[in-house]
C-alpha atoms as a PDB file:
ATOM      1  CA  MET A   1      -5.302   0.369   0.727  1.00  0.00           C
ATOM      2  CA  THR A   2      -6.947  -1.604  -1.930  1.00  0.00           C
ATOM      3  CA  ASP A   3     -10.385  -3.150  -2.198  1.00  0.00           C
ATOM      4  CA  SER A   4     -12.366  -4.591   0.691  1.00  0.00           C
ATOM      5  CA  ASN A   5     -11.486  -8.167  -0.309  1.00  0.00           C
ATOM      6  CA  ALA A   6      -7.945  -7.766   0.975  1.00  0.00           C
ATOM      7  CA  ALA A   7      -7.055  -9.908   3.968  1.00  0.00           C
ATOM      8  CA  THR A   8      -6.599  -8.433   7.437  1.00  0.00           C
ATOM      9  CA  ASN A   9      -3.357  -9.100   9.284  1.00  0.00           C
ATOM     10  CA  ARG A  10      -2.785  -9.475  13.016  1.00  0.00           C
ATOM     11  CA  THR A  11      -2.548  -5.702  13.484  1.00  0.00           C
ATOM     12  CA  GLY A  12      -5.982  -5.184  11.939  1.00  0.00           C
ATOM     13  CA  ARG A  13      -4.639  -3.652   8.736  1.00  0.00           C
ATOM     14  CA  THR A  14      -5.551  -4.979   5.319  1.00  0.00           C
ATOM     15  CA  GLY A  15      -3.113  -5.530   2.535  1.00  0.00           C
ATOM     16  CA  ARG A  16      -2.417  -7.146  -0.806  1.00  0.00           C
ATOM     17  CA  ILE A  17       1.201  -8.068  -1.335  1.00  0.00           C
ATOM     18  CA  LEU A  18       2.808  -8.953  -4.675  1.00  0.00           C
ATOM     19  CA  VAL A  19       5.789 -11.284  -4.252  1.00  0.00           C
ATOM     20  CA  VAL A  20       8.210 -11.163  -7.204  1.00  0.00           C
ATOM     21  CA  ASP A  21      10.960 -13.781  -7.205  1.00  0.00           C
ATOM     22  CA  ASP A  22      12.205 -16.132  -9.897  1.00  0.00           C
ATOM     23  CA  ASP A  23      12.771 -18.901  -7.328  1.00  0.00           C
ATOM     24  CA  ARG A  24       9.547 -20.891  -6.857  1.00  0.00           C
ATOM     25  CA  THR A  25      10.550 -22.100  -3.382  1.00  0.00           C
ATOM     26  CA  ASN A  26      11.187 -18.533  -2.226  1.00  0.00           C
ATOM     27  CA  ARG A  27       7.816 -17.405  -3.613  1.00  0.00           C
ATOM     28  CA  MET A  28       6.018 -20.235  -1.844  1.00  0.00           C
ATOM     29  CA  MET A  29       7.803 -19.617   1.450  1.00  0.00           C
ATOM     30  CA  LEU A  30       7.161 -15.864   1.355  1.00  0.00           C
ATOM     31  CA  THR A  31       3.492 -16.213   0.450  1.00  0.00           C
ATOM     32  CA  TYR A  32       3.020 -18.796   3.205  1.00  0.00           C
ATOM     33  CA  ARG A  33       4.567 -16.501   5.827  1.00  0.00           C
ATOM     34  CA  LEU A  34       2.609 -13.459   4.675  1.00  0.00           C
ATOM     35  CA  GLU A  35      -0.671 -15.364   4.512  1.00  0.00           C
ATOM     36  CA  MET A  36      -0.016 -16.769   7.998  1.00  0.00           C
ATOM     37  CA  ALA A  37       0.333 -13.132   9.097  1.00  0.00           C
ATOM     38  CA  GLY A  38      -3.144 -12.500   7.656  1.00  0.00           C
ATOM     39  CA  LEU A  39      -2.201 -10.820   4.382  1.00  0.00           C
ATOM     40  CA  GLU A  40      -3.426 -11.533   0.866  1.00  0.00           C
ATOM     41  CA  THR A  41      -0.705 -12.417  -1.639  1.00  0.00           C
ATOM     42  CA  ALA A  42      -0.132 -12.875  -5.345  1.00  0.00           C
ATOM     43  CA  THR A  43       3.077 -13.997  -7.015  1.00  0.00           C
ATOM     44  CA  SER A  44       5.109 -13.304 -10.104  1.00  0.00           C
ATOM     45  CA  GLU A  45       8.281 -14.981 -11.292  1.00  0.00           C
ATOM     46  CA  ASN A  46       9.726 -12.025 -13.203  1.00  0.00           C
ATOM     47  CA  GLY A  47       9.662  -8.265 -13.565  1.00  0.00           C
ATOM     48  CA  ILE A  48       7.712  -8.153 -16.818  1.00  0.00           C
ATOM     49  CA  GLU A  49       4.872 -10.242 -15.398  1.00  0.00           C
ATOM     50  CA  ALA A  50       4.955  -8.189 -12.168  1.00  0.00           C
ATOM     51  CA  LEU A  51       4.522  -4.926 -14.080  1.00  0.00           C
ATOM     52  CA  ARG A  52       1.565  -6.400 -15.965  1.00  0.00           C
ATOM     53  CA  MET A  53      -0.042  -7.570 -12.723  1.00  0.00           C
ATOM     54  CA  LEU A  54       0.535  -4.189 -11.069  1.00  0.00           C
ATOM     55  CA  ARG A  55      -1.188  -2.406 -13.945  1.00  0.00           C
ATOM     56  CA  GLU A  56      -4.163  -4.786 -13.835  1.00  0.00           C
ATOM     57  CA  SER A  57      -4.737  -4.940 -10.087  1.00  0.00           C
ATOM     58  CA  ASP A  58      -4.057  -2.910  -6.953  1.00  0.00           C
ATOM     59  CA  PHE A  59      -1.340  -4.009  -4.556  1.00  0.00           C
ATOM     60  CA  ASP A  60      -0.335  -2.298  -1.338  1.00  0.00           C
ATOM     61  CA  VAL A  61       3.261  -3.539  -1.219  1.00  0.00           C
ATOM     62  CA  VAL A  62       5.629  -5.263  -3.637  1.00  0.00           C
ATOM     63  CA  LEU A  63       8.368  -7.616  -2.442  1.00  0.00           C
ATOM     64  CA  LEU A  64      10.875  -7.569  -5.278  1.00  0.00           C
ATOM     65  CA  ASP A  65      13.918  -9.807  -5.726  1.00  0.00           C
ATOM     66  CA  ILE A  66      16.915  -8.130  -7.334  1.00  0.00           C
ATOM     67  CA  LEU A  67      18.561 -11.013  -9.164  1.00  0.00           C
ATOM     68  CA  MET A  68      16.142 -12.407 -11.756  1.00  0.00           C
ATOM     69  CA  PRO A  69      16.656 -13.435 -15.381  1.00  0.00           C
ATOM     70  CA  GLY A  70      15.337 -11.118 -18.065  1.00  0.00           C
ATOM     71  CA  MET A  71      14.251  -7.970 -16.272  1.00  0.00           C
ATOM     72  CA  ASP A  72      16.004  -7.813 -12.915  1.00  0.00           C
ATOM     73  CA  GLY A  73      14.682  -6.097  -9.800  1.00  0.00           C
ATOM     74  CA  TYR A  74      16.602  -2.874 -10.449  1.00  0.00           C
ATOM     75  CA  ALA A  75      15.009  -2.445 -13.891  1.00  0.00           C
ATOM     76  CA  THR A  76      11.570  -3.374 -12.543  1.00  0.00           C
ATOM     77  CA  LEU A  77      11.891  -0.853  -9.701  1.00  0.00           C
ATOM     78  CA  ASP A  78      13.091   1.822 -12.114  1.00  0.00           C
ATOM     79  CA  LEU A  79      10.109   1.284 -14.437  1.00  0.00           C
ATOM     80  CA  MET A  80       7.702   1.304 -11.493  1.00  0.00           C
ATOM     81  CA  LYS A  81       9.053   4.572 -10.098  1.00  0.00           C
ATOM     82  CA  HIS A  82       8.832   6.258 -13.522  1.00  0.00           C
ATOM     83  CA  ASP A  83       5.269   5.050 -14.171  1.00  0.00           C
ATOM     84  CA  GLN A  84       2.627   7.451 -12.855  1.00  0.00           C
ATOM     85  CA  GLN A  85       0.217   4.588 -12.104  1.00  0.00           C
ATOM     86  CA  LEU A  86       2.777   2.525 -10.150  1.00  0.00           C
ATOM     87  CA  SER A  87       5.161   5.071  -8.667  1.00  0.00           C
ATOM     88  CA  ARG A  88       3.426   5.325  -5.280  1.00  0.00           C
ATOM     89  CA  THR A  89       3.350   1.556  -4.661  1.00  0.00           C
ATOM     90  CA  PRO A  90       5.849   0.802  -1.875  1.00  0.00           C
ATOM     91  CA  VAL A  91       8.563  -1.684  -2.807  1.00  0.00           C
ATOM     92  CA  ILE A  92      10.689  -3.789  -0.475  1.00  0.00           C
ATOM     93  CA  MET A  93      13.738  -5.068  -2.319  1.00  0.00           C
ATOM     94  CA  MET A  94      15.169  -8.419  -1.291  1.00  0.00           C
ATOM     95  CA  SER A  95      18.356 -10.125  -2.319  1.00  0.00           C
ATOM     96  CA  ALA A  96      21.175 -12.402  -1.317  1.00  0.00           C
ATOM     97  CA  VAL A  97      23.420  -9.580  -2.555  1.00  0.00           C
ATOM     98  CA  GLY A  98      24.266  -8.034   0.787  1.00  0.00           C
ATOM     99  CA  GLU A  99      26.634  -5.362  -0.476  1.00  0.00           C
ATOM    100  CA  LEU A 100      26.032  -1.899   0.932  1.00  0.00           C
ATOM    101  CA  ASP A 101      26.201  -0.428  -2.601  1.00  0.00           C
ATOM    102  CA  SER A 102      23.207  -2.546  -3.619  1.00  0.00           C
ATOM    103  CA  VAL A 103      21.210  -1.423  -0.569  1.00  0.00           C
ATOM    104  CA  ILE A 104      21.999   2.250  -1.235  1.00  0.00           C
ATOM    105  CA  ARG A 105      21.198   1.907  -4.935  1.00  0.00           C
ATOM    106  CA  CYS A 106      17.771   0.428  -4.196  1.00  0.00           C
ATOM    107  CA  LEU A 107      16.909   3.087  -1.629  1.00  0.00           C
ATOM    108  CA  GLU A 108      18.080   5.881  -3.925  1.00  0.00           C
ATOM    109  CA  MET A 109      15.924   4.430  -6.710  1.00  0.00           C
ATOM    110  CA  GLY A 110      12.874   4.735  -4.474  1.00  0.00           C
ATOM    111  CA  ALA A 111      12.563   1.415  -2.665  1.00  0.00           C
ATOM    112  CA  GLU A 112      10.896   1.695   0.724  1.00  0.00           C
ATOM    113  CA  ASP A 113      13.212  -0.885   2.272  1.00  0.00           C
ATOM    114  CA  TYR A 114      15.803  -3.565   1.549  1.00  0.00           C
ATOM    115  CA  LEU A 115      15.884  -6.964   3.206  1.00  0.00           C
ATOM    116  CA  PRO A 116      18.763  -9.410   2.847  1.00  0.00           C
ATOM    117  CA  LYS A 117      18.148 -13.064   2.010  1.00  0.00           C
ATOM    118  CA  PRO A 118      17.635 -15.389   3.684  1.00  0.00           C
ATOM    119  CA  LEU A 119      14.749 -13.318   5.010  1.00  0.00           C
ATOM    120  CA  ASP A 120      13.978 -13.130   8.687  1.00  0.00           C
ATOM    121  CA  HIS A 121      10.232 -13.661   8.622  1.00  0.00           C
ATOM    122  CA  LEU A 122       9.520 -11.574  11.718  1.00  0.00           C
ATOM    123  CA  LEU A 123      11.450  -8.680  10.194  1.00  0.00           C
ATOM    124  CA  LEU A 124       9.606  -9.156   6.892  1.00  0.00           C
ATOM    125  CA  THR A 125       6.137  -9.063   8.435  1.00  0.00           C
ATOM    126  CA  SER A 126       7.153  -6.170  10.673  1.00  0.00           C
ATOM    127  CA  ARG A 127       8.337  -4.089   7.698  1.00  0.00           C
ATOM    128  CA  VAL A 128       5.188  -4.914   5.703  1.00  0.00           C
ATOM    129  CA  ASP A 129       3.022  -4.022   8.722  1.00  0.00           C
ATOM    130  CA  ASN A 130       4.859  -0.695   9.075  1.00  0.00           C
ATOM    131  CA  ILE A 131       4.279   0.162   5.423  1.00  0.00           C
ATOM    132  CA  LEU A 132       0.587  -0.755   5.707  1.00  0.00           C
ATOM    133  CA  LEU A 133       0.286   1.404   8.815  1.00  0.00           C
ATOM    134  CA  LYS A 134       1.913   4.306   6.974  1.00  0.00           C
ATOM    135  CA  ILE A 135      -0.585   3.905   4.121  1.00  0.00           C
ATOM    136  CA  GLN A 136      -3.466   3.791   6.582  1.00  0.00           C
ATOM    137  CA  LEU A 137      -2.242   6.931   8.345  1.00  0.00           C
ATOM    138  CA  GLU A 138      -1.921   8.773   5.020  1.00  0.00           C
ATOM    139  CA  GLN A 139      -5.522   7.837   4.215  1.00  0.00           C
ATOM    140  CA  VAL A 140      -6.737   9.070   7.596  1.00  0.00           C
ATOM    141  CA  GLU A 141      -4.820  12.320   7.124  1.00  0.00           C
ATOM    142  CA  LYS A 142      -6.448  12.825   3.709  1.00  0.00           C
ATOM    143  CA  ALA A 143      -9.905  12.111   5.154  1.00  0.00           C
ATOM    144  CA  LEU A 144      -9.315  14.546   8.017  1.00  0.00           C
ATOM    145  CA  ALA A 145      -8.290  17.221   5.511  1.00  0.00           C
ATOM    146  CA  GLU A 146     -11.593  16.647   3.673  1.00  0.00           C
ATOM    147  CA  LEU A 147     -13.496  16.884   6.968  1.00  0.00           C
ATOM    148  CA  THR A 148     -11.684  20.116   7.832  1.00  0.00           C
ATOM    149  CA  GLY A 149     -12.604  21.554   4.440  1.00  0.00           C
ATOM    150  CA  ALA A 150     -16.236  20.567   4.998  1.00  0.00           C
ATOM    151  CA  VAL A 151     -16.334  22.256   8.415  1.00  0.00           C
ATOM    152  CA  GLU A 152     -14.815  25.404   6.892  1.00  0.00           C
ATOM    153  CA  ALA A 153     -17.419  25.333   4.118  1.00  0.00           C
ATOM    154  CA  MET A 154     -20.205  24.935   6.665  1.00  0.00           C
ATOM    155  CA  ALA A 155     -18.849  27.861   8.688  1.00  0.00           C
ATOM    156  CA  GLY A 156     -18.934  29.992   5.555  1.00  0.00           C
ATOM    157  CA  GLY A 157     -22.401  28.963   4.490  1.00  0.00           C
ATOM    158  CA  ALA A 158     -23.442  25.557   3.223  1.00  0.00           C
ATOM    159  CA  LEU A 159     -21.715  22.251   2.627  1.00  0.00           C
ATOM    160  CA  PRO A 160     -21.301  21.630  -1.122  1.00  0.00           C
ATOM    161  CA  ALA A 161     -23.275  18.634  -2.395  1.00  0.00           C
ATOM    162  CA  GLY A 162     -21.223  15.453  -2.367  1.00  0.00           C
ATOM    163  CA  ALA A 163     -18.362  17.070  -0.426  1.00  0.00           C
ATOM    164  CA  LEU A 164     -18.171  14.241   2.096  1.00  0.00           C
ATOM    165  CA  ASP A 165     -19.320  11.287   0.004  1.00  0.00           C
ATOM    166  CA  ARG A 166     -15.905   9.595  -0.232  1.00  0.00           C
ATOM    167  CA  VAL A 167     -15.124   9.923   3.471  1.00  0.00           C
ATOM    168  CA  ALA A 168     -18.684   9.096   4.580  1.00  0.00           C
ATOM    169  CA  GLY A 169     -18.414   5.794   2.699  1.00  0.00           C
ATOM    170  CA  GLN A 170     -15.553   4.654   4.922  1.00  0.00           C
ATOM    171  CA  THR A 171     -16.004   2.406   7.898  1.00  0.00           C
ATOM    172  CA  GLY A 172     -14.632   3.401  11.257  1.00  0.00           C
ATOM    173  CA  SER A 173     -14.706   6.602  13.265  1.00  0.00           C
ATOM    174  CA  VAL A 174     -13.675   8.952  10.442  1.00  0.00           C
ATOM    175  CA  GLY A 175     -16.524   7.674   8.254  1.00  0.00           C
ATOM    176  CA  ARG A 176     -18.994   7.984  11.125  1.00  0.00           C
ATOM    177  CA  LEU A 177     -17.841  11.548  11.761  1.00  0.00           C
ATOM    178  CA  ALA A 178     -18.324  12.411   8.083  1.00  0.00           C
ATOM    179  CA  ARG A 179     -21.834  10.937   8.083  1.00  0.00           C
ATOM    180  CA  GLN A 180     -22.765  12.887  11.219  1.00  0.00           C
ATOM    181  CA  LEU A 181     -21.290  16.064   9.755  1.00  0.00           C
ATOM    182  CA  ARG A 182     -23.447  15.564   6.649  1.00  0.00           C
ATOM    183  CA  GLN A 183     -26.519  15.181   8.853  1.00  0.00           C
ATOM    184  CA  LEU A 184     -25.589  18.319  10.776  1.00  0.00           C
ATOM    185  CA  ALA A 185     -25.131  20.208   7.504  1.00  0.00           C
ATOM    186  CA  ALA A 186     -28.567  19.070   6.327  1.00  0.00           C
ATOM    187  CA  VAL A 187     -30.198  20.222   9.565  1.00  0.00           C
ATOM    188  CA  THR A 188     -28.465  23.621   9.509  1.00  0.00           C
ATOM    189  CA  SER A 189     -29.323  24.196   5.852  1.00  0.00           C
ATOM    190  CA  GLU A 190     -33.023  23.595   6.638  1.00  0.00           C
ATOM    191  CA  GLN A 191     -33.011  26.324   9.308  1.00  0.00           C
END
């Protein structure tokens, strides 16, 4: 996830969504629906501007139209997936082009999903929620791996300084566990 200023949706997950579509009405409609679902949004009308925005700010998901003048969605997706900074940002492609070849091409290029236009707004928010949940689960898994490493270090002697700082700074049960583990390590090192 991104910074703590991101909005929280109805499932309790936070997320910043970049909506990229050359059609102003589509951008407005998508941002309205996503914001009504409790998500923070930003918009771009073309691929070049979207790439600039992605490099300047963190986004959790990109909704990317395929048919746009200048740099289309395919080229934008391709550049994102070959850019080390942007390659892990999930992308949902969207288009009125409903051909199976287009869907397959987008998925093979690395898109997380493909939604046909006109978008079903329940399907859209459901897919975004699923991606945000996946991101959240990956973060929890990473934090648990750090906690496991800390417990192993404690079993072998002492907890290295700063080993749990990142995880201990998190809110929620994983952060609390890390803070308590740090306290336990401090007590055991004093004995």
